[in-house]
Each structure stands twice: as C-alpha cells, then as structure tokens.
Protein backbone atom coordinates (compact mmCIF):
# COMPACT_ATOMS: atom_id res chain seq x y z
CA MET A 1 -0.03 -0.02 0.01
CA THR A 2 1.43 3.42 -0.99
CA ALA A 3 1.77 6.35 1.39
CA ARG A 4 -1.03 8.17 -0.40
CA HIS A 5 -3.49 5.30 0.19
CA ARG A 6 -2.50 4.85 3.83
CA HIS A 7 -3.33 8.42 4.67
CA ALA A 8 -6.41 8.79 2.48
CA PRO A 9 -9.59 9.37 4.49
CA ARG A 10 -11.95 6.38 4.65
CA ARG A 11 -14.97 6.98 2.53
CA SER A 12 -18.48 5.93 3.52
CA TRP A 13 -19.89 2.73 2.04
CA PHE A 14 -22.42 4.80 0.03
CA THR A 15 -19.77 7.06 -1.45
CA ARG A 16 -17.72 4.00 -2.50
CA PHE A 17 -20.81 2.26 -3.84
CA ALA A 18 -22.06 5.35 -5.73
CA LYS A 19 -18.66 5.95 -7.32
CA ALA A 20 -18.34 2.31 -8.37
CA ALA A 21 -21.91 2.18 -9.73
CA SER A 22 -21.30 5.40 -11.63
CA ARG A 23 -18.10 4.07 -13.19
CA LEU A 24 -19.71 0.79 -14.16
CA SER A 25 -23.04 2.18 -15.40
CA GLY A 26 -21.26 4.53 -17.82
CA ARG A 27 -19.36 1.77 -19.64
CA PRO A 28 -20.31 0.32 -23.04
CA VAL A 29 -20.23 -3.20 -21.65
CA THR A 30 -22.99 -2.25 -19.17
CA PHE A 31 -25.10 -0.86 -21.97
CA GLY A 32 -24.55 -4.10 -23.93
CA LEU A 33 -25.55 -6.13 -20.88
CA ALA A 34 -28.80 -4.12 -20.55
CA VAL A 35 -29.60 -4.65 -24.21
CA ALA A 36 -28.90 -8.40 -23.82
CA VAL A 37 -31.26 -8.59 -20.82
CA ILE A 38 -34.02 -6.86 -22.75
CA LEU A 39 -33.49 -9.14 -25.79
CA ALA A 40 -33.56 -12.21 -23.54
CA TRP A 41 -36.80 -10.96 -21.98
CA ALA A 42 -38.29 -10.29 -25.41
CA LEU A 43 -37.26 -13.68 -26.72
CA THR A 44 -38.90 -15.46 -23.74
CA GLY A 45 -42.27 -13.79 -24.54
CA PRO A 46 -43.57 -16.76 -26.62
CA LEU A 47 -42.39 -19.14 -23.94
CA PHE A 48 -44.52 -17.40 -21.30
CA HIS A 49 -47.35 -16.63 -23.80
CA TYR A 50 -46.72 -12.87 -23.29
CA SER A 51 -48.49 -13.15 -19.94
CA ASP A 52 -49.08 -10.37 -17.46
CA THR A 53 -46.41 -11.86 -15.24
CA TRP A 54 -43.93 -11.78 -18.09
CA GLN A 55 -44.65 -8.07 -18.68
CA LEU A 56 -44.56 -7.33 -14.95
CA VAL A 57 -41.00 -8.69 -14.69
CA ILE A 58 -39.57 -6.14 -17.06
CA ASN A 59 -41.76 -3.31 -15.82
CA THR A 60 -40.88 -3.89 -12.21
CA SER A 61 -37.21 -4.45 -12.90
CA THR A 62 -36.74 -1.31 -14.97
CA THR A 63 -38.73 0.81 -12.45
CA ILE A 64 -36.57 -0.33 -9.52
CA ILE A 65 -33.31 0.14 -11.44
CA THR A 66 -34.39 3.61 -12.66
CA PHE A 67 -35.49 4.66 -9.15
CA LEU A 68 -32.19 3.64 -7.59
CA MET A 69 -30.10 5.12 -10.41
CA VAL A 70 -31.72 8.52 -9.92
CA PHE A 71 -30.11 8.71 -6.42
CA LEU A 72 -26.76 7.42 -7.55
CA ILE A 73 -26.66 9.88 -10.49
CA GLN A 74 -27.69 12.77 -8.22
CA ASN A 75 -25.03 11.85 -5.70
CA THR A 76 -22.35 11.72 -8.36
CA GLN A 77 -23.52 15.02 -9.87
CA ASN A 78 -23.53 16.70 -6.47
CA ARG A 79 -19.99 15.50 -5.72
CA ASP A 80 -18.72 16.59 -9.13
CA THR A 81 -20.36 20.02 -8.85
CA GLU A 82 -18.99 20.63 -5.34
CA ALA A 83 -15.48 19.61 -6.42
CA LEU A 84 -15.70 21.89 -9.43
CA GLN A 85 -16.92 24.78 -7.34
CA VAL A 86 -14.07 24.40 -4.88
CA LYS A 87 -11.57 24.31 -7.74
CA LEU A 88 -13.09 27.41 -9.33
CA ASP A 89 -13.10 29.20 -5.98
CA GLU A 90 -9.42 28.46 -5.57
CA LEU A 91 -8.64 29.84 -9.06
CA ILE A 92 -10.64 32.99 -8.32
CA ARG A 93 -8.83 33.41 -4.97
CA ALA A 94 -5.40 32.80 -6.45
CA VAL A 95 -5.67 35.18 -9.41
CA ASP A 96 -4.84 38.71 -8.30
CA THR A 97 -7.10 40.44 -10.85
CA ALA A 98 -10.09 38.15 -10.24
CA GLN A 99 -13.07 39.47 -8.27
CA ASN A 100 -13.21 37.74 -4.98
CA THR A 101 -16.90 38.62 -4.75
CA LEU A 102 -17.38 35.64 -7.09
CA LEU A 103 -16.22 33.17 -4.45
CA ASP A 104 -19.12 30.96 -3.25
CA LEU A 105 -21.39 32.48 -5.88
CA GLU A 106 -23.52 29.30 -5.93
CA GLU A 107 -24.65 30.16 -2.38
CA LEU A 108 -26.39 33.36 -3.42
CA GLU A 109 -30.17 33.67 -3.60
CA ASP A 110 -31.68 33.47 -7.08
CA ASP A 111 -32.30 37.24 -7.41
CA GLU A 112 -28.71 38.02 -6.35
CA MET A 113 -27.39 35.43 -8.80
CA ASP A 114 -29.57 36.97 -11.59
CA ARG A 115 -28.11 40.44 -10.91
CA MET A 116 -24.54 39.06 -11.01
CA ARG A 117 -25.28 37.18 -14.24
CA ASP A 118 -26.83 40.32 -15.78
CA THR A 119 -23.78 42.37 -14.82
CA TYR A 120 -21.33 39.84 -16.37
CA GLN A 121 -23.47 39.53 -19.51
CA MET A 122 -23.26 43.30 -19.84
CA LEU A 123 -19.48 43.17 -19.35
CA ALA A 124 -19.26 40.41 -21.98
CA ARG A 125 -21.28 42.48 -24.47
CA ARG A 126 -18.95 45.49 -23.89
CA ALA A 127 -15.88 43.32 -24.32
CA ARG A 128 -17.23 41.85 -27.59
CA GLU A 129 -18.04 45.38 -28.86
CA GLU A 130 -14.46 46.48 -28.00
CA ALA A 131 -13.06 43.44 -29.73
CA ARG A 132 -15.14 44.08 -32.83
CA LYS A 133 -13.99 47.72 -32.91
CA ALA A 134 -10.37 46.60 -32.53
CA MET A 135 -10.80 44.11 -35.36
CA ARG A 136 -12.27 46.81 -37.65
CA LYS A 137 -9.32 49.17 -37.18
CA PRO A 138 -7.11 49.22 -40.24
CA VAL A 139 -3.87 47.39 -39.77
CA PRO A 140 -0.76 49.29 -40.91
CA PRO A 141 1.06 47.57 -43.81
CA SER A 142 4.06 47.04 -41.56
CA GLN A 143 2.01 44.72 -39.37
CA THR A 144 0.37 42.67 -42.17
CA THR A 145 3.56 40.82 -43.16
CA GLY A 146 4.09 39.21 -39.75
CA SER A 147 2.05 36.66 -37.93
CA THR A 148 0.85 39.02 -35.26
CA PRO A 149 -2.97 39.00 -34.97
CA ALA A 150 -5.06 42.16 -34.76
CA PRO A 151 -5.10 43.73 -31.28
CA VAL A 152 -7.68 42.42 -28.85
CA PRO A 153 -8.76 44.39 -25.74
CA GLU A 154 -7.09 43.15 -22.57
CA ASN A 155 -8.89 41.48 -19.63
CA ARG A 156 -9.71 44.09 -16.99
CA GLY A 157 -10.77 41.95 -14.00
CA THR A 158 -10.09 43.44 -10.56
CA ASP A 159 -11.33 43.29 -6.98
CA ARG A 160 -12.95 46.68 -7.29
CA PRO A 161 -16.76 46.78 -7.31
CA ILE A 162 -18.36 46.19 -10.69
CA ALA A 163 -19.96 49.26 -12.16
CA GLY A 164 -23.42 48.44 -13.48
C-alpha cells in the first residue's frame, strides 16, 4: 500500500458504492448487458405466452433500477459540482485580478445570482463590442507581413466593485 493510500480518508460505504456504480453504469459493456437482458426478456415472450407476469417482470425491474439510479446519479452530480466549485473558488482566490466577490457564488439567492449574471453579461457584451472595434481598425502595412494578430482588448478583472 502506498503512502497516499495509507493516509487517504476512509470513505462511507455509500460514497464507495455510488462511485463504483457510476463508473460501471457509464461503460459500453454495461449498456450491452442491458440490451442483452431486454433481448432475452423479449425472446422469452412466446415461452410465457406474453403473460401479465412476463410483462410485470420487465416493468418492475426497470422501475426499480431507474428509481435507484436517480439517487446514484444525483449523488455523483452533487460531488462533481461541489469539487468543481471548490476548484473554481481556488482559481478566483489565487488570481490577483479576479473578483473575490465571485467566491461561493453558488450560495447566493436566485435574485442576487440573476443580478450578477446580468452584470457579467453586460461586461461580456462590452468586451465583444471592443473586440469588434479593434478588429475593424485598419492594420498598418508594416503589421500585415508578420504573424501578429489584430489587437484584442485586454482583460480588466479586478477586485474593485463592478460598475453596473
């Protein structure tokens, strides 16, 4: 056992199960197995005279599997989203020109989130307009022979309050 594994925190049985189920359910072989089960069920129809019990087997099985998979998928999605948020928060925190007001943005109320989104959409529109203007400026002949692209406005992120 490596040093990394010796000191790794012990995960709950559900976390281990959910991760394993997520890995397995997303593989092509699992999809193939599901198709094989459905084909086997369909092929046994004549054997059971397409009875109500025969239909109930597939209906009940798929309902139970779907019900359980909803929780496993939600667990996996929650973990992935939380990990991504922590990573993004660290990037925001570490970049000097980033706005630290964006840390923990996912914890805001919907109306606050809407205002932040509107502000950044406005900033994006302005940046695109500036970029379009910069692209329309004539390029002096001395700059057309090289491989230097047309000037693009620089990123102006700071910790100062955003002007709306």
